[in-house]
Amino acid sequence: MKEDDPLVQALTKLLIELTRFIDSIIDEDGEPRAAAKQLDFVAGTFDQLTPDQRASLTQIVQHLAAAEPSAERREFLDVFAEDFGLTDDAE
């Protein structure tokens, strides 16, 4: 996976936006259990990536966070890698 690949960049942005949206409805009256299950699915899929792939995805997310003008979105991006198991707890 190449971090500078436009397809990888676009897919990462879509993934971030979808997970942020799903995360936001957990606190609402919608279907919080269904939303939590979807977020668990995303984290489980990340578990199947190699360490190098997780590191590459983490790097892309960090670049997106650094360029994000919205404080709310930047905060979500800042914890994304840890929240979704892309980084080890020791890091």
PDB file of N, CA and C in Angstrom:
ATOM      1  N   MET A   1       0.855  -1.172   0.000  1.00  0.00           N
ATOM      2  CA  MET A   1       0.000   0.000   0.000  1.00  0.00           C
ATOM      3  C   MET A   1       0.898   1.231   0.000  1.00  0.00           C
ATOM      4  N   LYS A   2       0.668   2.087  -0.955  1.00  0.00           N
ATOM      5  CA  LYS A   2       1.453   3.318  -1.044  1.00  0.00           C
ATOM      6  C   LYS A   2       0.621   4.480  -0.538  1.00  0.00           C
ATOM      7  N   GLU A   3       1.195   5.218   0.440  1.00  0.00           N
ATOM      8  CA  GLU A   3       0.459   6.324   1.053  1.00  0.00           C
ATOM      9  C   GLU A   3       0.118   7.428   0.065  1.00  0.00           C
ATOM     10  N   ASP A   4       0.937   7.596  -0.980  1.00  0.00           N
ATOM     11  CA  ASP A   4       0.704   8.688  -1.917  1.00  0.00           C
ATOM     12  C   ASP A   4      -0.176   8.283  -3.094  1.00  0.00           C
ATOM     13  N   ASP A   5      -0.651   7.045  -3.123  1.00  0.00           N
ATOM     14  CA  ASP A   5      -1.556   6.572  -4.162  1.00  0.00           C
ATOM     15  C   ASP A   5      -2.891   7.302  -4.014  1.00  0.00           C
ATOM     16  N   PRO A   6      -3.359   8.000  -5.061  1.00  0.00           N
ATOM     17  CA  PRO A   6      -4.610   8.750  -4.960  1.00  0.00           C
ATOM     18  C   PRO A   6      -5.798   7.871  -4.555  1.00  0.00           C
ATOM     19  N   LEU A   7      -5.837   6.628  -5.000  1.00  0.00           N
ATOM     20  CA  LEU A   7      -6.920   5.739  -4.627  1.00  0.00           C
ATOM     21  C   LEU A   7      -6.886   5.437  -3.134  1.00  0.00           C
ATOM     22  N   VAL A   8      -5.706   5.173  -2.605  1.00  0.00           N
ATOM     23  CA  VAL A   8      -5.564   4.907  -1.174  1.00  0.00           C
ATOM     24  C   VAL A   8      -5.984   6.133  -0.377  1.00  0.00           C
ATOM     25  N   GLN A   9      -5.581   7.315  -0.816  1.00  0.00           N
ATOM     26  CA  GLN A   9      -5.966   8.556  -0.141  1.00  0.00           C
ATOM     27  C   GLN A   9      -7.483   8.723  -0.130  1.00  0.00           C
ATOM     28  N   ALA A  10      -8.116   8.526  -1.289  1.00  0.00           N
ATOM     29  CA  ALA A  10      -9.561   8.698  -1.397  1.00  0.00           C
ATOM     30  C   ALA A  10     -10.303   7.678  -0.532  1.00  0.00           C
ATOM     31  N   LEU A  11      -9.890   6.433  -0.577  1.00  0.00           N
ATOM     32  CA  LEU A  11     -10.549   5.397   0.219  1.00  0.00           C
ATOM     33  C   LEU A  11     -10.368   5.640   1.715  1.00  0.00           C
ATOM     34  N   THR A  12      -9.202   6.116   2.101  1.00  0.00           N
ATOM     35  CA  THR A  12      -8.964   6.420   3.514  1.00  0.00           C
ATOM     36  C   THR A  12      -9.871   7.554   3.975  1.00  0.00           C
ATOM     37  N   LYS A  13     -10.015   8.592   3.162  1.00  0.00           N
ATOM     38  CA  LYS A  13     -10.898   9.701   3.519  1.00  0.00           C
ATOM     39  C   LYS A  13     -12.345   9.221   3.658  1.00  0.00           C
ATOM     40  N   LEU A  14     -12.784   8.363   2.736  1.00  0.00           N
ATOM     41  CA  LEU A  14     -14.140   7.827   2.824  1.00  0.00           C
ATOM     42  C   LEU A  14     -14.319   6.985   4.080  1.00  0.00           C
ATOM     43  N   LEU A  15     -13.346   6.147   4.377  1.00  0.00           N
ATOM     44  CA  LEU A  15     -13.408   5.303   5.566  1.00  0.00           C
ATOM     45  C   LEU A  15     -13.491   6.151   6.830  1.00  0.00           C
ATOM     46  N   ILE A  16     -12.673   7.174   6.897  1.00  0.00           N
ATOM     47  CA  ILE A  16     -12.676   8.058   8.068  1.00  0.00           C
ATOM     48  C   ILE A  16     -14.041   8.715   8.234  1.00  0.00           C
ATOM     49  N   GLU A  17     -14.585   9.244   7.148  1.00  0.00           N
ATOM     50  CA  GLU A  17     -15.869   9.940   7.238  1.00  0.00           C
ATOM     51  C   GLU A  17     -16.980   8.982   7.643  1.00  0.00           C
ATOM     52  N   LEU A  18     -16.999   7.794   7.087  1.00  0.00           N
ATOM     53  CA  LEU A  18     -18.034   6.827   7.446  1.00  0.00           C
ATOM     54  C   LEU A  18     -17.918   6.382   8.900  1.00  0.00           C
ATOM     55  N   THR A  19     -16.710   6.128   9.367  1.00  0.00           N
ATOM     56  CA  THR A  19     -16.552   5.705  10.761  1.00  0.00           C
ATOM     57  C   THR A  19     -16.888   6.855  11.713  1.00  0.00           C
ATOM     58  N   ARG A  20     -16.573   8.071  11.333  1.00  0.00           N
ATOM     59  CA  ARG A  20     -16.921   9.230  12.168  1.00  0.00           C
ATOM     60  C   ARG A  20     -18.435   9.366  12.260  1.00  0.00           C
ATOM     61  N   PHE A  21     -19.120   9.178  11.140  1.00  0.00           N
ATOM     62  CA  PHE A  21     -20.576   9.249  11.135  1.00  0.00           C
ATOM     63  C   PHE A  21     -21.179   8.138  12.002  1.00  0.00           C
ATOM     64  N   ILE A  22     -20.714   6.921  11.815  1.00  0.00           N
ATOM     65  CA  ILE A  22     -21.225   5.799  12.605  1.00  0.00           C
ATOM     66  C   ILE A  22     -20.971   6.046  14.084  1.00  0.00           C
ATOM     67  N   ASP A  23     -19.788   6.512  14.419  1.00  0.00           N
ATOM     68  CA  ASP A  23     -19.451   6.807  15.806  1.00  0.00           C
ATOM     69  C   ASP A  23     -20.389   7.872  16.384  1.00  0.00           C
ATOM     70  N   SER A  24     -20.755   8.841  15.579  1.00  0.00           N
ATOM     71  CA  SER A  24     -21.611   9.925  16.074  1.00  0.00           C
ATOM     72  C   SER A  24     -23.025   9.460  16.375  1.00  0.00           C
ATOM     73  N   ILE A  25     -23.520   8.423  15.707  1.00  0.00           N
ATOM     74  CA  ILE A  25     -24.891   7.989  15.967  1.00  0.00           C
ATOM     75  C   ILE A  25     -24.978   7.031  17.152  1.00  0.00           C
ATOM     76  N   ILE A  26     -23.860   6.583  17.672  1.00  0.00           N
ATOM     77  CA  ILE A  26     -23.901   5.728  18.852  1.00  0.00           C
ATOM     78  C   ILE A  26     -24.506   6.485  20.021  1.00  0.00           C
ATOM     79  N   ASP A  27     -24.261   7.784  20.108  1.00  0.00           N
ATOM     80  CA  ASP A  27     -24.757   8.597  21.209  1.00  0.00           C
ATOM     81  C   ASP A  27     -26.174   9.115  20.978  1.00  0.00           C
ATOM     82  N   GLU A  28     -26.715   8.868  19.806  1.00  0.00           N
ATOM     83  CA  GLU A  28     -28.061   9.333  19.491  1.00  0.00           C
ATOM     84  C   GLU A  28     -29.068   8.216  19.721  1.00  0.00           C
ATOM     85  N   ASP A  29     -30.329   8.484  19.469  1.00  0.00           N
ATOM     86  CA  ASP A  29     -31.389   7.511  19.703  1.00  0.00           C
ATOM     87  C   ASP A  29     -31.532   6.485  18.588  1.00  0.00           C
ATOM     88  N   GLY A  30     -30.744   6.573  17.555  1.00  0.00           N
ATOM     89  CA  GLY A  30     -30.841   5.673  16.419  1.00  0.00           C
ATOM     90  C   GLY A  30     -30.645   4.213  16.792  1.00  0.00           C
ATOM     91  N   GLU A  31     -29.742   3.568  16.162  1.00  0.00           N
ATOM     92  CA  GLU A  31     -29.440   2.160  16.403  1.00  0.00           C
ATOM     93  C   GLU A  31     -28.033   2.046  16.961  1.00  0.00           C
ATOM     94  N   PRO A  32     -27.841   2.394  18.229  1.00  0.00           N
ATOM     95  CA  PRO A  32     -26.478   2.402  18.763  1.00  0.00           C
ATOM     96  C   PRO A  32     -25.800   1.035  18.729  1.00  0.00           C
ATOM     97  N   ARG A  33     -26.555  -0.049  18.945  1.00  0.00           N
ATOM     98  CA  ARG A  33     -25.926  -1.376  18.903  1.00  0.00           C
ATOM     99  C   ARG A  33     -25.464  -1.716  17.499  1.00  0.00           C
ATOM    100  N   ALA A  34     -26.284  -1.376  16.508  1.00  0.00           N
ATOM    101  CA  ALA A  34     -25.905  -1.640  15.120  1.00  0.00           C
ATOM    102  C   ALA A  34     -24.673  -0.817  14.740  1.00  0.00           C
ATOM    103  N   ALA A  35     -24.624   0.421  15.186  1.00  0.00           N
ATOM    104  CA  ALA A  35     -23.470   1.276  14.894  1.00  0.00           C
ATOM    105  C   ALA A  35     -22.215   0.719  15.546  1.00  0.00           C
ATOM    106  N   ALA A  36     -22.321   0.307  16.798  1.00  0.00           N
ATOM    107  CA  ALA A  36     -21.166  -0.250  17.503  1.00  0.00           C
ATOM    108  C   ALA A  36     -20.677  -1.523  16.814  1.00  0.00           C
ATOM    109  N   LYS A  37     -21.597  -2.335  16.324  1.00  0.00           N
ATOM    110  CA  LYS A  37     -21.212  -3.558  15.614  1.00  0.00           C
ATOM    111  C   LYS A  37     -20.446  -3.221  14.332  1.00  0.00           C
ATOM    112  N   GLN A  38     -20.869  -2.171  13.651  1.00  0.00           N
ATOM    113  CA  GLN A  38     -20.177  -1.773  12.424  1.00  0.00           C
ATOM    114  C   GLN A  38     -18.768  -1.270  12.719  1.00  0.00           C
ATOM    115  N   LEU A  39     -18.620  -0.523  13.797  1.00  0.00           N
ATOM    116  CA  LEU A  39     -17.289  -0.046  14.175  1.00  0.00           C
ATOM    117  C   LEU A  39     -16.399  -1.223  14.582  1.00  0.00           C
ATOM    118  N   ASP A  40     -16.967  -2.209  15.257  1.00  0.00           N
ATOM    119  CA  ASP A  40     -16.212  -3.421  15.597  1.00  0.00           C
ATOM    120  C   ASP A  40     -15.780  -4.157  14.334  1.00  0.00           C
ATOM    121  N   PHE A  41     -16.642  -4.161  13.315  1.00  0.00           N
ATOM    122  CA  PHE A  41     -16.298  -4.797  12.046  1.00  0.00           C
ATOM    123  C   PHE A  41     -15.098  -4.097  11.398  1.00  0.00           C
ATOM    124  N   VAL A  42     -15.108  -2.768  11.431  1.00  0.00           N
ATOM    125  CA  VAL A  42     -13.989  -2.000  10.869  1.00  0.00           C
ATOM    126  C   VAL A  42     -12.698  -2.350  11.609  1.00  0.00           C
ATOM    127  N   ALA A  43     -12.750  -2.340  12.937  1.00  0.00           N
ATOM    128  CA  ALA A  43     -11.555  -2.664  13.730  1.00  0.00           C
ATOM    129  C   ALA A  43     -11.098  -4.090  13.458  1.00  0.00           C
ATOM    130  N   GLY A  44     -12.033  -5.013  13.321  1.00  0.00           N
ATOM    131  CA  GLY A  44     -11.682  -6.394  13.018  1.00  0.00           C
ATOM    132  C   GLY A  44     -11.021  -6.544  11.654  1.00  0.00           C
ATOM    133  N   THR A  45     -11.484  -5.759  10.706  1.00  0.00           N
ATOM    134  CA  THR A  45     -10.870  -5.774   9.379  1.00  0.00           C
ATOM    135  C   THR A  45      -9.439  -5.244   9.454  1.00  0.00           C
ATOM    136  N   PHE A  46      -9.229  -4.203  10.244  1.00  0.00           N
ATOM    137  CA  PHE A  46      -7.878  -3.670  10.422  1.00  0.00           C
ATOM    138  C   PHE A  46      -6.954  -4.707  11.062  1.00  0.00           C
ATOM    139  N   ASP A  47      -7.506  -5.548  11.928  1.00  0.00           N
ATOM    140  CA  ASP A  47      -6.698  -6.594  12.560  1.00  0.00           C
ATOM    141  C   ASP A  47      -6.105  -7.557  11.538  1.00  0.00           C
ATOM    142  N   GLN A  48      -6.742  -7.670  10.385  1.00  0.00           N
ATOM    143  CA  GLN A  48      -6.274  -8.573   9.340  1.00  0.00           C
ATOM    144  C   GLN A  48      -5.148  -7.974   8.496  1.00  0.00           C
ATOM    145  N   LEU A  49      -4.892  -6.685   8.652  1.00  0.00           N
ATOM    146  CA  LEU A  49      -3.808  -6.042   7.908  1.00  0.00           C
ATOM    147  C   LEU A  49      -2.462  -6.438   8.501  1.00  0.00           C
ATOM    148  N   THR A  50      -1.434  -6.398   7.673  1.00  0.00           N
ATOM    149  CA  THR A  50      -0.085  -6.645   8.167  1.00  0.00           C
ATOM    150  C   THR A  50       0.358  -5.441   8.995  1.00  0.00           C
ATOM    151  N   PRO A  51       1.373  -5.612   9.836  1.00  0.00           N
ATOM    152  CA  PRO A  51       1.876  -4.457  10.590  1.00  0.00           C
ATOM    153  C   PRO A  51       2.287  -3.293   9.677  1.00  0.00           C
ATOM    154  N   ASP A  52       2.896  -3.594   8.538  1.00  0.00           N
ATOM    155  CA  ASP A  52       3.293  -2.531   7.605  1.00  0.00           C
ATOM    156  C   ASP A  52       2.077  -1.813   7.029  1.00  0.00           C
ATOM    157  N   GLN A  53       1.015  -2.555   6.724  1.00  0.00           N
ATOM    158  CA  GLN A  53      -0.193  -1.934   6.202  1.00  0.00           C
ATOM    159  C   GLN A  53      -0.858  -1.065   7.260  1.00  0.00           C
ATOM    160  N   ARG A  54      -0.890  -1.539   8.497  1.00  0.00           N
ATOM    161  CA  ARG A  54      -1.465  -0.727   9.582  1.00  0.00           C
ATOM    162  C   ARG A  54      -0.648   0.538   9.785  1.00  0.00           C
ATOM    163  N   ALA A  55       0.678   0.419   9.697  1.00  0.00           N
ATOM    164  CA  ALA A  55       1.543   1.598   9.848  1.00  0.00           C
ATOM    165  C   ALA A  55       1.306   2.596   8.722  1.00  0.00           C
ATOM    166  N   SER A  56       1.126   2.104   7.502  1.00  0.00           N
ATOM    167  CA  SER A  56       0.863   2.990   6.360  1.00  0.00           C
ATOM    168  C   SER A  56      -0.466   3.705   6.528  1.00  0.00           C
ATOM    169  N   LEU A  57      -1.483   2.967   6.940  1.00  0.00           N
ATOM    170  CA  LEU A  57      -2.786   3.578   7.148  1.00  0.00           C
ATOM    171  C   LEU A  57      -2.728   4.609   8.271  1.00  0.00           C
ATOM    172  N   THR A  58      -2.009   4.298   9.322  1.00  0.00           N
ATOM    173  CA  THR A  58      -1.832   5.240  10.429  1.00  0.00           C
ATOM    174  C   THR A  58      -1.162   6.516   9.940  1.00  0.00           C
ATOM    175  N   GLN A  59      -0.157   6.379   9.096  1.00  0.00           N
ATOM    176  CA  GLN A  59       0.545   7.547   8.573  1.00  0.00           C
ATOM    177  C   GLN A  59      -0.390   8.428   7.737  1.00  0.00           C
ATOM    178  N   ILE A  60      -1.236   7.800   6.931  1.00  0.00           N
ATOM    179  CA  ILE A  60      -2.191   8.569   6.129  1.00  0.00           C
ATOM    180  C   ILE A  60      -3.141   9.337   7.038  1.00  0.00           C
ATOM    181  N   VAL A  61      -3.650   8.663   8.074  1.00  0.00           N
ATOM    182  CA  VAL A  61      -4.578   9.308   9.005  1.00  0.00           C
ATOM    183  C   VAL A  61      -3.894  10.473   9.711  1.00  0.00           C
ATOM    184  N   GLN A  62      -2.641  10.310  10.092  1.00  0.00           N
ATOM    185  CA  GLN A  62      -1.904  11.397  10.741  1.00  0.00           C
ATOM    186  C   GLN A  62      -1.752  12.596   9.808  1.00  0.00           C
ATOM    187  N   HIS A  63      -1.491  12.340   8.520  1.00  0.00           N
ATOM    188  CA  HIS A  63      -1.389  13.433   7.548  1.00  0.00           C
ATOM    189  C   HIS A  63      -2.732  14.135   7.379  1.00  0.00           C
ATOM    190  N   LEU A  64      -3.810  13.345   7.337  1.00  0.00           N
ATOM    191  CA  LEU A  64      -5.139  13.942   7.236  1.00  0.00           C
ATOM    192  C   LEU A  64      -5.433  14.809   8.455  1.00  0.00           C
ATOM    193  N   ALA A  65      -5.055  14.331   9.637  1.00  0.00           N
ATOM    194  CA  ALA A  65      -5.289  15.092  10.872  1.00  0.00           C
ATOM    195  C   ALA A  65      -4.521  16.408  10.850  1.00  0.00           C
ATOM    196  N   ALA A  66      -3.292  16.357  10.394  1.00  0.00           N
ATOM    197  CA  ALA A  66      -2.463  17.562  10.367  1.00  0.00           C
ATOM    198  C   ALA A  66      -3.037  18.619   9.429  1.00  0.00           C
ATOM    199  N   ALA A  67      -3.725  18.183   8.375  1.00  0.00           N
ATOM    200  CA  ALA A  67      -4.272  19.117   7.392  1.00  0.00           C
ATOM    201  C   ALA A  67      -5.726  19.490   7.656  1.00  0.00           C
ATOM    202  N   GLU A  68      -6.340  18.899   8.680  1.00  0.00           N
ATOM    203  CA  GLU A  68      -7.766  19.103   8.941  1.00  0.00           C
ATOM    204  C   GLU A  68      -8.031  20.436   9.645  1.00  0.00           C
ATOM    205  N   PRO A  69      -8.836  21.316   9.027  1.00  0.00           N
ATOM    206  CA  PRO A  69      -9.129  22.605   9.655  1.00  0.00           C
ATOM    207  C   PRO A  69     -10.169  22.517  10.775  1.00  0.00           C
ATOM    208  N   SER A  70     -11.028  21.527  10.730  1.00  0.00           N
ATOM    209  CA  SER A  70     -12.076  21.394  11.748  1.00  0.00           C
ATOM    210  C   SER A  70     -11.510  20.742  13.010  1.00  0.00           C
ATOM    211  N   ALA A  71     -11.643  21.415  14.137  1.00  0.00           N
ATOM    212  CA  ALA A  71     -11.129  20.882  15.403  1.00  0.00           C
ATOM    213  C   ALA A  71     -11.814  19.573  15.773  1.00  0.00           C
ATOM    214  N   GLU A  72     -13.108  19.470  15.540  1.00  0.00           N
ATOM    215  CA  GLU A  72     -13.853  18.256  15.869  1.00  0.00           C
ATOM    216  C   GLU A  72     -13.366  17.067  15.037  1.00  0.00           C
ATOM    217  N   ARG A  73     -13.210  17.274  13.744  1.00  0.00           N
ATOM    218  CA  ARG A  73     -12.731  16.200  12.864  1.00  0.00           C
ATOM    219  C   ARG A  73     -11.284  15.854  13.189  1.00  0.00           C
ATOM    220  N   ARG A  74     -10.461  16.864  13.471  1.00  0.00           N
ATOM    221  CA  ARG A  74      -9.057  16.633  13.808  1.00  0.00           C
ATOM    222  C   ARG A  74      -8.946  15.792  15.081  1.00  0.00           C
ATOM    223  N   GLU A  75      -9.788  16.077  16.069  1.00  0.00           N
ATOM    224  CA  GLU A  75      -9.797  15.306  17.308  1.00  0.00           C
ATOM    225  C   GLU A  75     -10.123  13.836  17.027  1.00  0.00           C
ATOM    226  N   PHE A  76     -11.113  13.597  16.163  1.00  0.00           N
ATOM    227  CA  PHE A  76     -11.463  12.225  15.783  1.00  0.00           C
ATOM    228  C   PHE A  76     -10.281  11.540  15.095  1.00  0.00           C
ATOM    229  N   LEU A  77      -9.644  12.265  14.175  1.00  0.00           N
ATOM    230  CA  LEU A  77      -8.495  11.714  13.452  1.00  0.00           C
ATOM    231  C   LEU A  77      -7.313  11.440  14.380  1.00  0.00           C
ATOM    232  N   ASP A  78      -7.119  12.298  15.365  1.00  0.00           N
ATOM    233  CA  ASP A  78      -5.987  12.140  16.285  1.00  0.00           C
ATOM    234  C   ASP A  78      -6.049  10.836  17.070  1.00  0.00           C
ATOM    235  N   VAL A  79      -7.239  10.342  17.339  1.00  0.00           N
ATOM    236  CA  VAL A  79      -7.373   9.102  18.123  1.00  0.00           C
ATOM    237  C   VAL A  79      -7.795   7.904  17.272  1.00  0.00           C
ATOM    238  N   PHE A  80      -7.987   8.116  15.986  1.00  0.00           N
ATOM    239  CA  PHE A  80      -8.489   7.059  15.107  1.00  0.00           C
ATOM    240  C   PHE A  80      -7.611   5.808  15.148  1.00  0.00           C
ATOM    241  N   ALA A  81      -6.320   5.960  14.939  1.00  0.00           N
ATOM    242  CA  ALA A  81      -5.427   4.795  14.867  1.00  0.00           C
ATOM    243  C   ALA A  81      -5.464   3.982  16.162  1.00  0.00           C
ATOM    244  N   GLU A  82      -5.455   4.664  17.280  1.00  0.00           N
ATOM    245  CA  GLU A  82      -5.497   3.958  18.568  1.00  0.00           C
ATOM    246  C   GLU A  82      -6.873   3.331  18.801  1.00  0.00           C
ATOM    247  N   ASP A  83      -7.922   4.080  18.530  1.00  0.00           N
ATOM    248  CA  ASP A  83      -9.284   3.589  18.769  1.00  0.00           C
ATOM    249  C   ASP A  83      -9.623   2.369  17.924  1.00  0.00           C
ATOM    250  N   PHE A  84      -9.055   2.273  16.728  1.00  0.00           N
ATOM    251  CA  PHE A  84      -9.360   1.173  15.832  1.00  0.00           C
ATOM    252  C   PHE A  84      -8.262   0.125  15.764  1.00  0.00           C
ATOM    253  N   GLY A  85      -7.351   0.152  16.726  1.00  0.00           N
ATOM    254  CA  GLY A  85      -6.362  -0.905  16.848  1.00  0.00           C
ATOM    255  C   GLY A  85      -5.260  -0.907  15.803  1.00  0.00           C
ATOM    256  N   LEU A  86      -5.010   0.235  15.190  1.00  0.00           N
ATOM    257  CA  LEU A  86      -3.937   0.304  14.189  1.00  0.00           C
ATOM    258  C   LEU A  86      -2.567   0.408  14.838  1.00  0.00           C
ATOM    259  N   THR A  87      -2.534   0.894  16.071  1.00  0.00           N
ATOM    260  CA  THR A  87      -1.265   1.031  16.782  1.00  0.00           C
ATOM    261  C   THR A  87      -1.287   0.151  18.021  1.00  0.00           C
ATOM    262  N   ASP A  88      -0.110  -0.259  18.449  1.00  0.00           N
ATOM    263  CA  ASP A  88       0.003  -1.033  19.669  1.00  0.00           C
ATOM    264  C   ASP A  88      -0.191  -0.106  20.865  1.00  0.00           C
ATOM    265  N   ASP A  89      -0.670  -0.654  21.962  1.00  0.00           N
ATOM    266  CA  ASP A  89      -0.835   0.142  23.174  1.00  0.00           C
ATOM    267  C   ASP A  89       0.501   0.703  23.664  1.00  0.00           C
ATOM    268  N   ALA A  90       1.602   0.015  23.342  1.00  0.00           N
ATOM    269  CA  ALA A  90       2.923   0.428  23.803  1.00  0.00           C
ATOM    270  C   ALA A  90       3.445   1.652  23.058  1.00  0.00           C
ATOM    271  N   GLU A  91       2.840   1.959  21.892  1.00  0.00           N
ATOM    272  CA  GLU A  91       3.331   3.083  21.092  1.00  0.00           C
ATOM    273  C   GLU A  91       2.914   4.399  21.683  1.00  0.00           C
TER     274      GLU A  91
END
